């Protein structure tokens, strides 16, 4: 299960396999400025500081340029982590809008860590 680290918030969000960064952050109770949620506007861009991702659907060169494809720019509505990633917001602020979902994510994180350590059965 890949996770998204957000150093500015000292937060880690776990994603389901094949889940986009945007979807995972929303499911964990976080929100930020987005546009179309279909890969057409580029408003949800953020920077991936560590880790790798791929896009679950084609992304137009007019939305993510050739340079951006190599510098860690991530279109969060289409990006699916291939590994654990570390992100940094660009223009908008990531804010907690649903503390209950954050608690659920924290429990999922604890369970995943216990499974990885071999201290909990699946």
PDB file of N, CA and C in Angstrom:
ATOM      1  N   UNK A   1       0.852  -1.170   0.000  1.00  0.00           N
ATOM      2  CA  UNK A   1       0.000   0.000   0.000  1.00  0.00           C
ATOM      3  C   UNK A   1       0.906   1.245   0.000  1.00  0.00           C
ATOM      4  N   UNK A   2       0.887   2.043  -1.073  1.00  0.00           N
ATOM      5  CA  UNK A   2       1.751   3.226  -1.117  1.00  0.00           C
ATOM      6  C   UNK A   2       1.257   4.306  -0.149  1.00  0.00           C
ATOM      7  N   UNK A   3       2.170   5.148   0.257  1.00  0.00           N
ATOM      8  CA  UNK A   3       1.752   6.268   1.086  1.00  0.00           C
ATOM      9  C   UNK A   3       2.332   7.573   0.557  1.00  0.00           C
ATOM     10  N   UNK A   4       1.638   8.652   0.928  1.00  0.00           N
ATOM     11  CA  UNK A   4       2.026  10.001   0.546  1.00  0.00           C
ATOM     12  C   UNK A   4       2.467  10.722   1.808  1.00  0.00           C
ATOM     13  N   UNK A   5       3.711  11.147   1.849  1.00  0.00           N
ATOM     14  CA  UNK A   5       4.220  11.925   2.984  1.00  0.00           C
ATOM     15  C   UNK A   5       4.094  13.401   2.670  1.00  0.00           C
ATOM     16  N   UNK A   6       3.631  14.151   3.660  1.00  0.00           N
ATOM     17  CA  UNK A   6       3.476  15.602   3.512  1.00  0.00           C
ATOM     18  C   UNK A   6       4.273  16.250   4.647  1.00  0.00           C
ATOM     19  N   UNK A   7       5.563  16.527   4.416  1.00  0.00           N
ATOM     20  CA  UNK A   7       6.416  17.052   5.479  1.00  0.00           C
ATOM     21  C   UNK A   7       5.900  18.345   6.121  1.00  0.00           C
ATOM     22  N   UNK A   8       5.298  19.218   5.343  1.00  0.00           N
ATOM     23  CA  UNK A   8       4.819  20.496   5.892  1.00  0.00           C
ATOM     24  C   UNK A   8       3.772  20.293   6.981  1.00  0.00           C
ATOM     25  N   UNK A   9       3.061  19.170   6.943  1.00  0.00           N
ATOM     26  CA  UNK A   9       2.039  18.872   7.946  1.00  0.00           C
ATOM     27  C   UNK A   9       2.450  17.740   8.876  1.00  0.00           C
ATOM     28  N   UNK A  10       3.636  17.189   8.651  1.00  0.00           N
ATOM     29  CA  UNK A  10       4.082  16.023   9.398  1.00  0.00           C
ATOM     30  C   UNK A  10       3.011  14.936   9.343  1.00  0.00           C
ATOM     31  N   UNK A  11       2.534  14.652   8.136  1.00  0.00           N
ATOM     32  CA  UNK A  11       1.419  13.735   7.911  1.00  0.00           C
ATOM     33  C   UNK A  11       1.803  12.679   6.882  1.00  0.00           C
ATOM     34  N   UNK A  12       1.234  11.500   7.042  1.00  0.00           N
ATOM     35  CA  UNK A  12       1.381  10.414   6.081  1.00  0.00           C
ATOM     36  C   UNK A  12      -0.011   9.912   5.762  1.00  0.00           C
ATOM     37  N   UNK A  13      -0.320   9.811   4.475  1.00  0.00           N
ATOM     38  CA  UNK A  13      -1.629   9.354   4.017  1.00  0.00           C
ATOM     39  C   UNK A  13      -1.423   8.073   3.217  1.00  0.00           C
ATOM     40  N   UNK A  14      -2.167   7.047   3.587  1.00  0.00           N
ATOM     41  CA  UNK A  14      -2.096   5.773   2.869  1.00  0.00           C
ATOM     42  C   UNK A  14      -3.115   5.745   1.752  1.00  0.00           C
ATOM     43  N   UNK A  15      -2.700   5.211   0.604  1.00  0.00           N
ATOM     44  CA  UNK A  15      -3.571   5.106  -0.568  1.00  0.00           C
ATOM     45  C   UNK A  15      -3.849   3.640  -0.861  1.00  0.00           C
ATOM     46  N   UNK A  16      -4.980   3.398  -1.456  1.00  0.00           N
ATOM     47  CA  UNK A  16      -5.296   2.069  -1.962  1.00  0.00           C
ATOM     48  C   UNK A  16      -4.480   1.860  -3.240  1.00  0.00           C
ATOM     49  N   UNK A  17      -4.225   0.604  -3.603  1.00  0.00           N
ATOM     50  CA  UNK A  17      -3.529   0.366  -4.880  1.00  0.00           C
ATOM     51  C   UNK A  17      -4.299   1.016  -6.033  1.00  0.00           C
ATOM     52  N   UNK A  18      -3.590   1.646  -6.927  1.00  0.00           N
ATOM     53  CA  UNK A  18      -4.144   2.317  -8.109  1.00  0.00           C
ATOM     54  C   UNK A  18      -4.989   3.546  -7.780  1.00  0.00           C
ATOM     55  N   UNK A  19      -4.906   4.059  -6.573  1.00  0.00           N
ATOM     56  CA  UNK A  19      -5.647   5.270  -6.203  1.00  0.00           C
ATOM     57  C   UNK A  19      -4.809   6.504  -6.526  1.00  0.00           C
ATOM     58  N   UNK A  20      -5.460   7.556  -7.002  1.00  0.00           N
ATOM     59  CA  UNK A  20      -4.733   8.787  -7.311  1.00  0.00           C
ATOM     60  C   UNK A  20      -4.372   9.532  -6.029  1.00  0.00           C
ATOM     61  N   UNK A  21      -3.390  10.401  -6.144  1.00  0.00           N
ATOM     62  CA  UNK A  21      -2.969  11.221  -5.014  1.00  0.00           C
ATOM     63  C   UNK A  21      -4.148  12.073  -4.525  1.00  0.00           C
ATOM     64  N   UNK A  22      -4.842  12.717  -5.443  1.00  0.00           N
ATOM     65  CA  UNK A  22      -5.980  13.565  -5.073  1.00  0.00           C
ATOM     66  C   UNK A  22      -7.043  12.770  -4.318  1.00  0.00           C
ATOM     67  N   UNK A  23      -7.413  11.619  -4.832  1.00  0.00           N
ATOM     68  CA  UNK A  23      -8.434  10.794  -4.190  1.00  0.00           C
ATOM     69  C   UNK A  23      -8.002  10.368  -2.795  1.00  0.00           C
ATOM     70  N   UNK A  24      -6.763   9.950  -2.658  1.00  0.00           N
ATOM     71  CA  UNK A  24      -6.260   9.524  -1.354  1.00  0.00           C
ATOM     72  C   UNK A  24      -6.245  10.640  -0.333  1.00  0.00           C
ATOM     73  N   UNK A  25      -5.827  11.829  -0.758  1.00  0.00           N
ATOM     74  CA  UNK A  25      -5.811  12.966   0.159  1.00  0.00           C
ATOM     75  C   UNK A  25      -7.232  13.343   0.583  1.00  0.00           C
ATOM     76  N   UNK A  26      -8.153  13.337  -0.358  1.00  0.00           N
ATOM     77  CA  UNK A  26      -9.548  13.640  -0.024  1.00  0.00           C
ATOM     78  C   UNK A  26     -10.131  12.602   0.924  1.00  0.00           C
ATOM     79  N   UNK A  27      -9.853  11.320   0.654  1.00  0.00           N
ATOM     80  CA  UNK A  27     -10.375  10.259   1.517  1.00  0.00           C
ATOM     81  C   UNK A  27      -9.792  10.326   2.926  1.00  0.00           C
ATOM     82  N   UNK A  28      -8.632  10.958   3.081  1.00  0.00           N
ATOM     83  CA  UNK A  28      -8.004  11.107   4.394  1.00  0.00           C
ATOM     84  C   UNK A  28      -8.428  12.402   5.080  1.00  0.00           C
ATOM     85  N   UNK A  29      -9.362  13.126   4.467  1.00  0.00           N
ATOM     86  CA  UNK A  29      -9.900  14.321   5.104  1.00  0.00           C
ATOM     87  C   UNK A  29      -9.254  15.627   4.712  1.00  0.00           C
ATOM     88  N   UNK A  30      -8.382  15.608   3.709  1.00  0.00           N
ATOM     89  CA  UNK A  30      -7.691  16.823   3.280  1.00  0.00           C
ATOM     90  C   UNK A  30      -8.278  17.367   1.982  1.00  0.00           C
ATOM     91  N   UNK A  31      -8.156  18.669   1.813  1.00  0.00           N
ATOM     92  CA  UNK A  31      -8.642  19.319   0.599  1.00  0.00           C
ATOM     93  C   UNK A  31      -7.675  20.429   0.203  1.00  0.00           C
ATOM     94  N   UNK A  32      -7.737  20.784  -1.062  1.00  0.00           N
ATOM     95  CA  UNK A  32      -6.973  21.905  -1.610  1.00  0.00           C
ATOM     96  C   UNK A  32      -7.643  22.314  -2.904  1.00  0.00           C
ATOM     97  N   UNK A  33      -7.207  23.414  -3.459  1.00  0.00           N
ATOM     98  CA  UNK A  33      -7.832  23.941  -4.663  1.00  0.00           C
ATOM     99  C   UNK A  33      -7.587  23.018  -5.840  1.00  0.00           C
ATOM    100  N   UNK A  34      -8.670  22.590  -6.458  1.00  0.00           N
ATOM    101  CA  UNK A  34      -8.604  21.766  -7.668  1.00  0.00           C
ATOM    102  C   UNK A  34      -9.582  22.342  -8.677  1.00  0.00           C
ATOM    103  N   UNK A  35      -9.456  21.875  -9.890  1.00  0.00           N
ATOM    104  CA  UNK A  35     -10.347  22.355 -10.940  1.00  0.00           C
ATOM    105  C   UNK A  35     -11.246  21.250 -11.434  1.00  0.00           C
ATOM    106  N   UNK A  36     -10.949  20.761 -12.617  1.00  0.00           N
ATOM    107  CA  UNK A  36     -11.853  19.835 -13.310  1.00  0.00           C
ATOM    108  C   UNK A  36     -11.833  18.410 -12.762  1.00  0.00           C
ATOM    109  N   UNK A  37     -10.760  17.992 -12.090  1.00  0.00           N
ATOM    110  CA  UNK A  37     -10.571  16.628 -11.572  1.00  0.00           C
ATOM    111  C   UNK A  37     -10.517  15.577 -12.687  1.00  0.00           C
ATOM    112  N   UNK A  38     -10.229  16.021 -13.910  1.00  0.00           N
ATOM    113  CA  UNK A  38     -10.164  15.113 -15.057  1.00  0.00           C
ATOM    114  C   UNK A  38      -8.867  15.248 -15.838  1.00  0.00           C
ATOM    115  N   UNK A  39      -7.904  15.972 -15.309  1.00  0.00           N
ATOM    116  CA  UNK A  39      -6.626  16.108 -15.991  1.00  0.00           C
ATOM    117  C   UNK A  39      -6.573  17.159 -17.070  1.00  0.00           C
ATOM    118  N   UNK A  40      -7.576  18.023 -17.135  1.00  0.00           N
ATOM    119  CA  UNK A  40      -7.627  18.992 -18.217  1.00  0.00           C
ATOM    120  C   UNK A  40      -7.209  20.405 -17.879  1.00  0.00           C
ATOM    121  N   UNK A  41      -7.090  20.732 -16.587  1.00  0.00           N
ATOM    122  CA  UNK A  41      -6.840  22.137 -16.251  1.00  0.00           C
ATOM    123  C   UNK A  41      -5.478  22.399 -15.614  1.00  0.00           C
ATOM    124  N   UNK A  42      -4.933  21.430 -14.890  1.00  0.00           N
ATOM    125  CA  UNK A  42      -3.623  21.602 -14.267  1.00  0.00           C
ATOM    126  C   UNK A  42      -3.637  22.330 -12.944  1.00  0.00           C
ATOM    127  N   UNK A  43      -4.786  22.665 -12.412  1.00  0.00           N
ATOM    128  CA  UNK A  43      -4.848  23.403 -11.150  1.00  0.00           C
ATOM    129  C   UNK A  43      -4.335  22.571  -9.976  1.00  0.00           C
ATOM    130  N   UNK A  44      -4.480  21.261 -10.041  1.00  0.00           N
ATOM    131  CA  UNK A  44      -4.102  20.393  -8.926  1.00  0.00           C
ATOM    132  C   UNK A  44      -2.628  19.969  -8.952  1.00  0.00           C
ATOM    133  N   UNK A  45      -1.796  20.645  -9.707  1.00  0.00           N
ATOM    134  CA  UNK A  45      -0.381  20.290  -9.766  1.00  0.00           C
ATOM    135  C   UNK A  45       0.275  20.481  -8.399  1.00  0.00           C
ATOM    136  N   UNK A  46       1.169  19.564  -8.089  1.00  0.00           N
ATOM    137  CA  UNK A  46       1.999  19.680  -6.903  1.00  0.00           C
ATOM    138  C   UNK A  46       3.357  19.091  -7.227  1.00  0.00           C
ATOM    139  N   UNK A  47       4.297  19.223  -6.320  1.00  0.00           N
ATOM    140  CA  UNK A  47       5.654  18.737  -6.558  1.00  0.00           C
ATOM    141  C   UNK A  47       5.892  17.441  -5.804  1.00  0.00           C
ATOM    142  N   UNK A  48       6.437  16.446  -6.501  1.00  0.00           N
ATOM    143  CA  UNK A  48       6.855  15.202  -5.868  1.00  0.00           C
ATOM    144  C   UNK A  48       8.342  15.334  -5.579  1.00  0.00           C
ATOM    145  N   UNK A  49       8.689  15.372  -4.307  1.00  0.00           N
ATOM    146  CA  UNK A  49      10.076  15.552  -3.894  1.00  0.00           C
ATOM    147  C   UNK A  49      10.841  14.233  -3.889  1.00  0.00           C
ATOM    148  N   UNK A  50      10.135  13.141  -3.583  1.00  0.00           N
ATOM    149  CA  UNK A  50      10.735  11.807  -3.575  1.00  0.00           C
ATOM    150  C   UNK A  50       9.701  10.805  -4.045  1.00  0.00           C
ATOM    151  N   UNK A  51      10.154   9.762  -4.709  1.00  0.00           N
ATOM    152  CA  UNK A  51       9.276   8.684  -5.142  1.00  0.00           C
ATOM    153  C   UNK A  51       8.865   8.825  -6.593  1.00  0.00           C
ATOM    154  N   UNK A  52       8.149   7.809  -7.053  1.00  0.00           N
ATOM    155  CA  UNK A  52       7.748   7.747  -8.456  1.00  0.00           C
ATOM    156  C   UNK A  52       6.244   7.566  -8.577  1.00  0.00           C
ATOM    157  N   UNK A  53       5.717   8.037  -9.689  1.00  0.00           N
ATOM    158  CA  UNK A  53       4.296   7.907  -9.976  1.00  0.00           C
ATOM    159  C   UNK A  53       4.104   7.754 -11.471  1.00  0.00           C
ATOM    160  N   UNK A  54       2.939   7.247 -11.845  1.00  0.00           N
ATOM    161  CA  UNK A  54       2.536   7.188 -13.242  1.00  0.00           C
ATOM    162  C   UNK A  54       1.135   7.773 -13.333  1.00  0.00           C
ATOM    163  N   UNK A  55       0.713   8.064 -14.545  1.00  0.00           N
ATOM    164  CA  UNK A  55      -0.630   8.587 -14.739  1.00  0.00           C
ATOM    165  C   UNK A  55      -1.573   7.459 -15.126  1.00  0.00           C
ATOM    166  N   UNK A  56      -2.750   7.444 -14.516  1.00  0.00           N
ATOM    167  CA  UNK A  56      -3.711   6.371 -14.768  1.00  0.00           C
ATOM    168  C   UNK A  56      -4.465   6.554 -16.077  1.00  0.00           C
ATOM    169  N   UNK A  57      -4.355   7.724 -16.662  1.00  0.00           N
ATOM    170  CA  UNK A  57      -4.956   8.018 -17.972  1.00  0.00           C
ATOM    171  C   UNK A  57      -4.024   8.989 -18.687  1.00  0.00           C
ATOM    172  N   UNK A  58      -4.172   9.109 -19.996  1.00  0.00           N
ATOM    173  CA  UNK A  58      -3.309  10.053 -20.725  1.00  0.00           C
ATOM    174  C   UNK A  58      -3.459  11.488 -20.194  1.00  0.00           C
ATOM    175  N   UNK A  59      -2.349  12.206 -20.212  1.00  0.00           N
ATOM    176  CA  UNK A  59      -2.321  13.608 -19.792  1.00  0.00           C
ATOM    177  C   UNK A  59      -1.753  14.411 -20.950  1.00  0.00           C
ATOM    178  N   UNK A  60      -2.460  15.444 -21.350  1.00  0.00           N
ATOM    179  CA  UNK A  60      -2.050  16.251 -22.500  1.00  0.00           C
ATOM    180  C   UNK A  60      -0.779  17.047 -22.209  1.00  0.00           C
ATOM    181  N   UNK A  61       0.054  17.208 -23.244  1.00  0.00           N
ATOM    182  CA  UNK A  61       1.267  18.020 -23.114  1.00  0.00           C
ATOM    183  C   UNK A  61       0.940  19.475 -22.807  1.00  0.00           C
ATOM    184  N   UNK A  62      -0.265  19.916 -23.142  1.00  0.00           N
ATOM    185  CA  UNK A  62      -0.660  21.295 -22.838  1.00  0.00           C
ATOM    186  C   UNK A  62      -0.950  21.479 -21.354  1.00  0.00           C
ATOM    187  N   UNK A  63      -1.157  20.381 -20.624  1.00  0.00           N
ATOM    188  CA  UNK A  63      -1.432  20.455 -19.179  1.00  0.00           C
ATOM    189  C   UNK A  63      -0.158  20.222 -18.380  1.00  0.00           C
ATOM    190  N   UNK A  64       0.618  19.227 -18.765  1.00  0.00           N
ATOM    191  CA  UNK A  64       1.905  18.927 -18.124  1.00  0.00           C
ATOM    192  C   UNK A  64       2.949  18.903 -19.237  1.00  0.00           C
ATOM    193  N   UNK A  65       3.819  19.896 -19.221  1.00  0.00           N
ATOM    194  CA  UNK A  65       4.818  20.040 -20.286  1.00  0.00           C
ATOM    195  C   UNK A  65       5.894  18.956 -20.193  1.00  0.00           C
ATOM    196  N   UNK A  66       6.701  18.875 -21.227  1.00  0.00           N
ATOM    197  CA  UNK A  66       7.806  17.911 -21.252  1.00  0.00           C
ATOM    198  C   UNK A  66       8.772  18.170 -20.095  1.00  0.00           C
ATOM    199  N   UNK A  67       9.070  19.428 -19.817  1.00  0.00           N
ATOM    200  CA  UNK A  67       9.948  19.769 -18.694  1.00  0.00           C
ATOM    201  C   UNK A  67       9.327  19.349 -17.370  1.00  0.00           C
ATOM    202  N   UNK A  68       8.034  19.585 -17.216  1.00  0.00           N
ATOM    203  CA  UNK A  68       7.361  19.226 -15.968  1.00  0.00           C
ATOM    204  C   UNK A  68       7.319  17.714 -15.760  1.00  0.00           C
ATOM    205  N   UNK A  69       7.315  16.966 -16.834  1.00  0.00           N
ATOM    206  CA  UNK A  69       7.281  15.504 -16.715  1.00  0.00           C
ATOM    207  C   UNK A  69       8.587  14.960 -16.144  1.00  0.00           C
ATOM    208  N   UNK A  70       9.647  15.754 -16.187  1.00  0.00           N
ATOM    209  CA  UNK A  70      10.934  15.303 -15.659  1.00  0.00           C
ATOM    210  C   UNK A  70      11.357  16.005 -14.377  1.00  0.00           C
ATOM    211  N   UNK A  71      10.649  17.044 -13.964  1.00  0.00           N
ATOM    212  CA  UNK A  71      11.082  17.795 -12.781  1.00  0.00           C
ATOM    213  C   UNK A  71      10.290  17.483 -11.503  1.00  0.00           C
ATOM    214  N   UNK A  72       9.450  16.454 -11.531  1.00  0.00           N
ATOM    215  CA  UNK A  72       8.696  16.086 -10.337  1.00  0.00           C
ATOM    216  C   UNK A  72       7.319  16.692 -10.248  1.00  0.00           C
ATOM    217  N   UNK A  73       6.909  17.415 -11.292  1.00  0.00           N
ATOM    218  CA  UNK A  73       5.553  17.965 -11.291  1.00  0.00           C
ATOM    219  C   UNK A  73       4.550  16.822 -11.381  1.00  0.00           C
ATOM    220  N   UNK A  74       3.529  16.901 -10.574  1.00  0.00           N
ATOM    221  CA  UNK A  74       2.533  15.841 -10.491  1.00  0.00           C
ATOM    222  C   UNK A  74       1.143  16.435 -10.667  1.00  0.00           C
ATOM    223  N   UNK A  75       0.391  15.898 -11.586  1.00  0.00           N
ATOM    224  CA  UNK A  75      -1.014  16.266 -11.754  1.00  0.00           C
ATOM    225  C   UNK A  75      -1.777  15.313 -10.826  1.00  0.00           C
ATOM    226  N   UNK A  76      -2.125  15.781  -9.643  1.00  0.00           N
ATOM    227  CA  UNK A  76      -2.586  14.889  -8.576  1.00  0.00           C
ATOM    228  C   UNK A  76      -3.888  14.152  -8.882  1.00  0.00           C
ATOM    229  N   UNK A  77      -4.704  14.686  -9.764  1.00  0.00           N
ATOM    230  CA  UNK A  77      -5.967  14.010 -10.094  1.00  0.00           C
ATOM    231  C   UNK A  77      -5.759  12.786 -10.981  1.00  0.00           C
ATOM    232  N   UNK A  78      -4.576  12.645 -11.564  1.00  0.00           N
ATOM    233  CA  UNK A  78      -4.281  11.522 -12.455  1.00  0.00           C
ATOM    234  C   UNK A  78      -3.086  10.683 -11.984  1.00  0.00           C
ATOM    235  N   UNK A  79      -2.299  11.196 -11.049  1.00  0.00           N
ATOM    236  CA  UNK A  79      -1.079  10.520 -10.622  1.00  0.00           C
ATOM    237  C   UNK A  79      -1.371   9.400  -9.635  1.00  0.00           C
ATOM    238  N   UNK A  80      -0.821   8.224  -9.939  1.00  0.00           N
ATOM    239  CA  UNK A  80      -0.922   7.054  -9.067  1.00  0.00           C
ATOM    240  C   UNK A  80       0.506   6.701  -8.642  1.00  0.00           C
ATOM    241  N   UNK A  81       0.805   6.740  -7.345  1.00  0.00           N
ATOM    242  CA  UNK A  81       2.164   6.429  -6.896  1.00  0.00           C
ATOM    243  C   UNK A  81       2.575   4.999  -7.238  1.00  0.00           C
ATOM    244  N   UNK A  82       3.803   4.860  -7.741  1.00  0.00           N
ATOM    245  CA  UNK A  82       4.399   3.545  -7.976  1.00  0.00           C
ATOM    246  C   UNK A  82       5.142   3.084  -6.730  1.00  0.00           C
ATOM    247  N   UNK A  83       5.419   4.037  -5.857  1.00  0.00           N
ATOM    248  CA  UNK A  83       6.135   3.786  -4.613  1.00  0.00           C
ATOM    249  C   UNK A  83       5.651   4.840  -3.623  1.00  0.00           C
ATOM    250  N   UNK A  84       6.189   4.806  -2.429  1.00  0.00           N
ATOM    251  CA  UNK A  84       5.891   5.874  -1.479  1.00  0.00           C
ATOM    252  C   UNK A  84       6.413   7.183  -2.067  1.00  0.00           C
ATOM    253  N   UNK A  85       5.646   8.252  -1.894  1.00  0.00           N
ATOM    254  CA  UNK A  85       6.072   9.548  -2.413  1.00  0.00           C
ATOM    255  C   UNK A  85       6.015  10.607  -1.323  1.00  0.00           C
ATOM    256  N   UNK A  86       6.786  11.650  -1.520  1.00  0.00           N
ATOM    257  CA  UNK A  86       6.782  12.824  -0.646  1.00  0.00           C
ATOM    258  C   UNK A  86       6.385  14.004  -1.510  1.00  0.00           C
ATOM    259  N   UNK A  87       5.384  14.766  -1.042  1.00  0.00           N
ATOM    260  CA  UNK A  87       4.877  15.874  -1.857  1.00  0.00           C
ATOM    261  C   UNK A  87       5.024  17.215  -1.167  1.00  0.00           C
ATOM    262  N   UNK A  88       4.942  18.246  -1.990  1.00  0.00           N
ATOM    263  CA  UNK A  88       4.928  19.633  -1.524  1.00  0.00           C
ATOM    264  C   UNK A  88       3.897  20.376  -2.358  1.00  0.00           C
ATOM    265  N   UNK A  89       3.043  21.089  -1.684  1.00  0.00           N
ATOM    266  CA  UNK A  89       2.021  21.850  -2.388  1.00  0.00           C
ATOM    267  C   UNK A  89       2.682  23.015  -3.118  1.00  0.00           C
ATOM    268  N   UNK A  90       2.044  23.457  -4.174  1.00  0.00           N
ATOM    269  CA  UNK A  90       2.564  24.587  -4.943  1.00  0.00           C
ATOM    270  C   UNK A  90       1.876  25.884  -4.541  1.00  0.00           C
ATOM    271  N   UNK A  91       0.720  26.106  -5.113  1.00  0.00           N
ATOM    272  CA  UNK A  91       0.061  27.399  -4.909  1.00  0.00           C
ATOM    273  C   UNK A  91      -1.033  27.365  -3.859  1.00  0.00           C
ATOM    274  N   UNK A  92      -1.640  26.224  -3.649  1.00  0.00           N
ATOM    275  CA  UNK A  92      -2.730  26.177  -2.675  1.00  0.00           C
ATOM    276  C   UNK A  92      -2.269  25.470  -1.412  1.00  0.00           C
ATOM    277  N   UNK A  93      -2.991  25.674  -0.362  1.00  0.00           N
ATOM    278  CA  UNK A  93      -2.660  25.095   0.922  1.00  0.00           C
ATOM    279  C   UNK A  93      -3.478  23.827   1.147  1.00  0.00           C
ATOM    280  N   UNK A  94      -2.825  22.793   1.584  1.00  0.00           N
ATOM    281  CA  UNK A  94      -3.518  21.571   1.956  1.00  0.00           C
ATOM    282  C   UNK A  94      -4.093  21.778   3.347  1.00  0.00           C
ATOM    283  N   UNK A  95      -5.392  21.569   3.478  1.00  0.00           N
ATOM    284  CA  UNK A  95      -6.039  21.829   4.767  1.00  0.00           C
ATOM    285  C   UNK A  95      -6.901  20.643   5.176  1.00  0.00           C
ATOM    286  N   UNK A  96      -6.947  20.409   6.467  1.00  0.00           N
ATOM    287  CA  UNK A  96      -7.769  19.348   7.008  1.00  0.00           C
ATOM    288  C   UNK A  96      -9.203  19.841   7.071  1.00  0.00           C
ATOM    289  N   UNK A  97     -10.092  19.152   6.376  1.00  0.00           N
ATOM    290  CA  UNK A  97     -11.501  19.562   6.356  1.00  0.00           C
ATOM    291  C   UNK A  97     -12.407  18.534   7.025  1.00  0.00           C
ATOM    292  N   UNK A  98     -11.876  17.326   7.280  1.00  0.00           N
ATOM    293  CA  UNK A  98     -12.691  16.302   7.916  1.00  0.00           C
ATOM    294  C   UNK A  98     -11.821  15.502   8.886  1.00  0.00           C
ATOM    295  N   UNK A  99     -11.777  15.914  10.150  1.00  0.00           N
ATOM    296  CA  UNK A  99     -10.931  15.236  11.136  1.00  0.00           C
ATOM    297  C   UNK A  99     -11.285  13.759  11.342  1.00  0.00           C
ATOM    298  N   UNK A 100     -12.525  13.388  11.143  1.00  0.00           N
ATOM    299  CA  UNK A 100     -12.920  11.983  11.308  1.00  0.00           C
ATOM    300  C   UNK A 100     -12.224  11.120  10.254  1.00  0.00           C
ATOM    301  N   UNK A 101     -12.196  11.596   9.017  1.00  0.00           N
ATOM    302  CA  UNK A 101     -11.500  10.842   7.972  1.00  0.00           C
ATOM    303  C   UNK A 101     -10.009  10.751   8.266  1.00  0.00           C
ATOM    304  N   UNK A 102      -9.448  11.788   8.864  1.00  0.00           N
ATOM    305  CA  UNK A 102      -8.037  11.760   9.239  1.00  0.00           C
ATOM    306  C   UNK A 102      -7.792  10.674  10.280  1.00  0.00           C
ATOM    307  N   UNK A 103      -8.694  10.536  11.230  1.00  0.00           N
ATOM    308  CA  UNK A 103      -8.560   9.498  12.248  1.00  0.00           C
ATOM    309  C   UNK A 103      -8.622   8.107  11.624  1.00  0.00           C
ATOM    310  N   UNK A 104      -9.521   7.932  10.675  1.00  0.00           N
ATOM    311  CA  UNK A 104      -9.623   6.643   9.979  1.00  0.00           C
ATOM    312  C   UNK A 104      -8.324   6.346   9.242  1.00  0.00           C
ATOM    313  N   UNK A 105      -7.762   7.354   8.576  1.00  0.00           N
ATOM    314  CA  UNK A 105      -6.485   7.183   7.872  1.00  0.00           C
ATOM    315  C   UNK A 105      -5.380   6.832   8.862  1.00  0.00           C
ATOM    316  N   UNK A 106      -5.374   7.465  10.025  1.00  0.00           N
ATOM    317  CA  UNK A 106      -4.345   7.181  11.026  1.00  0.00           C
ATOM    318  C   UNK A 106      -4.435   5.727  11.489  1.00  0.00           C
ATOM    319  N   UNK A 107      -5.641   5.221  11.675  1.00  0.00           N
ATOM    320  CA  UNK A 107      -5.809   3.817  12.066  1.00  0.00           C
ATOM    321  C   UNK A 107      -5.327   2.889  10.953  1.00  0.00           C
ATOM    322  N   UNK A 108      -5.629   3.242   9.710  1.00  0.00           N
ATOM    323  CA  UNK A 108      -5.156   2.439   8.581  1.00  0.00           C
ATOM    324  C   UNK A 108      -3.631   2.442   8.523  1.00  0.00           C
ATOM    325  N   UNK A 109      -3.027   3.583   8.794  1.00  0.00           N
ATOM    326  CA  UNK A 109      -1.567   3.688   8.798  1.00  0.00           C
ATOM    327  C   UNK A 109      -0.980   2.799   9.892  1.00  0.00           C
ATOM    328  N   UNK A 110      -1.570   2.844  11.090  1.00  0.00           N
ATOM    329  CA  UNK A 110      -1.076   2.027  12.196  1.00  0.00           C
ATOM    330  C   UNK A 110      -1.199   0.541  11.874  1.00  0.00           C
ATOM    331  N   UNK A 111      -2.308   0.155  11.280  1.00  0.00           N
ATOM    332  CA  UNK A 111      -2.509  -1.256  10.916  1.00  0.00           C
ATOM    333  C   UNK A 111      -1.495  -1.679   9.854  1.00  0.00           C
ATOM    334  N   UNK A 112      -1.278  -0.838   8.852  1.00  0.00           N
ATOM    335  CA  UNK A 112      -0.308  -1.155   7.800  1.00  0.00           C
ATOM    336  C   UNK A 112       1.095  -1.288   8.379  1.00  0.00           C
ATOM    337  N   UNK A 113       1.446  -0.435   9.316  1.00  0.00           N
ATOM    338  CA  UNK A 113       2.765  -0.510   9.939  1.00  0.00           C
ATOM    339  C   UNK A 113       2.899  -1.792  10.762  1.00  0.00           C
ATOM    340  N   UNK A 114       1.838  -2.162  11.457  1.00  0.00           N
ATOM    341  CA  UNK A 114       1.856  -3.396  12.236  1.00  0.00           C
ATOM    342  C   UNK A 114       1.975  -4.616  11.330  1.00  0.00           C
ATOM    343  N   UNK A 115       1.263  -4.607  10.213  1.00  0.00           N
ATOM    344  CA  UNK A 115       1.363  -5.706   9.249  1.00  0.00           C
ATOM    345  C   UNK A 115       2.786  -5.803   8.696  1.00  0.00           C
ATOM    346  N   UNK A 116       3.353  -4.665   8.370  1.00  0.00           N
ATOM    347  CA  UNK A 116       4.707  -4.646   7.814  1.00  0.00           C
ATOM    348  C   UNK A 116       5.730  -5.144   8.832  1.00  0.00           C
ATOM    349  N   UNK A 117       5.479  -4.851  10.099  1.00  0.00           N
ATOM    350  CA  UNK A 117       6.394  -5.282  11.163  1.00  0.00           C
ATOM    351  C   UNK A 117       6.134  -6.729  11.583  1.00  0.00           C
ATOM    352  N   UNK A 118       5.013  -7.305  11.084  1.00  0.00           N
ATOM    353  CA  UNK A 118       4.694  -8.677  11.421  1.00  0.00           C
ATOM    354  C   UNK A 118       4.049  -8.851  12.777  1.00  0.00           C
ATOM    355  N   UNK A 119       3.515  -7.765  13.335  1.00  0.00           N
ATOM    356  CA  UNK A 119       2.903  -7.846  14.660  1.00  0.00           C
ATOM    357  C   UNK A 119       1.387  -7.930  14.623  1.00  0.00           C
ATOM    358  N   UNK A 120       0.807  -7.964  13.417  1.00  0.00           N
ATOM    359  CA  UNK A 120      -0.649  -8.090  13.288  1.00  0.00           C
ATOM    360  C   UNK A 120      -0.957  -9.000  12.129  1.00  0.00           C
ATOM    361  N   UNK A 121      -1.979  -9.837  12.293  1.00  0.00           N
ATOM    362  CA  UNK A 121      -2.405 -10.722  11.208  1.00  0.00           C
ATOM    363  C   UNK A 121      -3.334  -9.972  10.275  1.00  0.00           C
ATOM    364  N   UNK A 122      -3.305 -10.367   8.988  1.00  0.00           N
ATOM    365  CA  UNK A 122      -4.165  -9.704   7.994  1.00  0.00           C
ATOM    366  C   UNK A 122      -5.590  -9.979   8.189  1.00  0.00           C
TER     367      UNK A 122
END
